[in-house]
Amino acid sequence: MKAIILAAGIGRRMQPLTNAVHKTLLKINGRTIIEGIMDNLINNGISDVIIATGYRSAELKEFVSAHYANINVSYVHNERFAETNNIHSLALVFDSVKISDDILLIESDLIFEEKVIQRIINSPYANVALLDHFKSGMDGTVVTVSEQVVTGIIPPHLQGAGFDFSDKYKTLNIYKFSKDFCNTTFKQLLTYYSQTIDDNCYYELILGILIYIQKETIYAEIINTELWAEIDDPNDLRVAEFIFDKTKRLESLDAAQGGCWNNDMLDFCFIRNMYFPNNSIFSELKNSLVKLCQNYGSSQKILNKKLEFYLGIQPGKVNLLNGLSQVYPILSLLWGDKKFLMPEPTFGEYKRLFKNSIFYADRVDIDLAYIQQRAKDCAVVVFVNPNNPTGSAIDSSAIIAFAAQARDKIIIVDESFIDFSRFSSLIPLLEESALENVIVLKSLSKSLGIPGLRLGFVYSCNDQYNRLIREALPIWNINSVAEHFLEIILKHKNSIEMSFAKTIKDREIFLSALNKLTFVKKAYNSQANFILVEFKDDAKLKGLVASLLSEYSIYVKDVSPKFNDGKFYLRFAVRLPQENQRLIECLSACLLKG
């Protein structure tokens, strides 16, 4: 069997990285892309390789000749690489080289493990395409499949607006073709089309035509657990590193603090409502997406009004935020010089921005009397209710009573997780009886399940505080998609409440299951949509977080440093029941392996 590697293209989408080096010579995990392809071919018994060259051909040939002198490598050069596409490169190969064996056709922007090549070599079919289930982040040619036969091939230029990817498969751009197919039907139509109709298109178009006119049957070999990645643009390099360098997965995710939509993993680290938004909301956003992207959002005054409608509150008391994190630097500028009292442990932004702070301990239990004692010399008191990562919460009426007795102090109350607790928000109480020293903060990402839209707010009955915060906000503070979401959810309040109830039910089942694990010392009762777990045998658990990620693609949060007591703590987001159960199973398996 021969292999044909198509490597003529400039790699424009990889610029500026490809301005000074051939795309196949970019490195992932210390090895060039071409080395990954060549080594996999050799390890699978293929030592006869044809490389179609074009851009920076001398550089590529020199590298391959130096590293693979012991195998048979020949080259076919596409002089018109800048103006043609892979159909022309493949036609040149067919015209220049005698195809005396079955071939593997491979595009040169792929990273894959040996099992991928084994899968297609061992396929019983003569003409077969290697496919994967379509996932977010993939692009390029997709296909339709019925009974293990490819029924349609759709190149990128035919994937118009509204194209449905849900039932499609992604080609890995690895094919096995018989020598007879390459020397007859495929070669004839490919050469004719490239020479007389269009030499700046994809060879998959020819496969699609042959399938459509029923001249050839292309079978589908669909991979399952085999690892692969396509390197189309610089962002794909980071995704490929995540897939293939398992030892650095945790470091990569911790440094990124988000942006994980292209990483295939189960995320128990970042917290969101798993039951909201519902499909109806997503459909409405999708239908309006073009208009939303083409229009500016509203002024802050109108944004605040829309938020007031959702919260059902009196006007003039809220400022809508581009995520709650937007307010922390503002609060720091306003009162950062004052002495703060805040819980320890808690969300890291408080400790990072408010340096002049003392603390009250939250060991999954908060003593309000102790807070009152500690607050005597403080100008600002912070309640995170429920607190993160402990899940501890205080009755809102007790916080109101505390604030009423301490009117000389600013009371900041973060209620980002309050909807998952047994306590109500402070806001209805403040609507009935205003306290001007209280500021309520809330992230809507956690409760409404939309961290990517970045929505939060700050509420106060103090006109001066509201004005100072409003003056610190930019003229266009929220994107149009987030603003429209705020309009839509007015029609879905029942669904929102149901999502909270479902999450609470799932949390209690999850909590019970965690407490049954022999290696868990205690999974603590939580008033949020996450659970804090203390483990036994701390010394034996080093590396558990990294192992869960590398072996099972499960990402969890190690919060042990926040407690500084030498014990081992993890925080688990509450996800869907089947996902929570998978975590339980993988935790057990990981610890049994030691």
Foldseek 3Di string as FASTA:
>chain_A
DEEEEEQAAQLVQAPPVSVPPGQQQDDAPRGGLVCQVVVLCVVVPHQAYEYEHHPPRVRVVVVCCVPNVPGHYHYFYDPPNVQFDVLLSVLSCLVPDQLPWKYKYAYRQKHFDNVQVVLQVPDPDQKAFEWEQDAPPDAFKKFADDPQWTQAIDGRVNQDPPRDSNRIIDTNRIIIHGSVCSNPQLNVVSNCCCVPPGRHDDSVVSVRVCSVVVVDIYGYRYDDPTDMFGCSYPVSSLQVNCRPVLLCVQVSCVVVVDPCRSHPFAEQADAAQQLPDDPVLVVVLSVCVVVLVVDFDAFQQVLQVLVCLVVVADPDFKTKALALVVCLVLVCVVDLVWEEEEAFPAPPSVCVRNVNYDYDYPPLDHDVVVVLVVCPRGQEYEAEALGPPSQHHDALVVVVVVCVVPLSHAYEYECAFQLLAPHDDCVVVCRVPNRQRYKYWYGVCHLRVCVVQRIIMIGGPHNVVSVSSSVPADGRRGRSSSSVSSVVCSVVPVSSNVSSVVLNVLVVVLLVLQQPDPQWPHWDDHSGQKIKTWGPPQVLCVCVQSCCCSPVRYHWAWPVVSVPPSTTMTMTGRHDNVSSVVVSVSSVVSSVVD
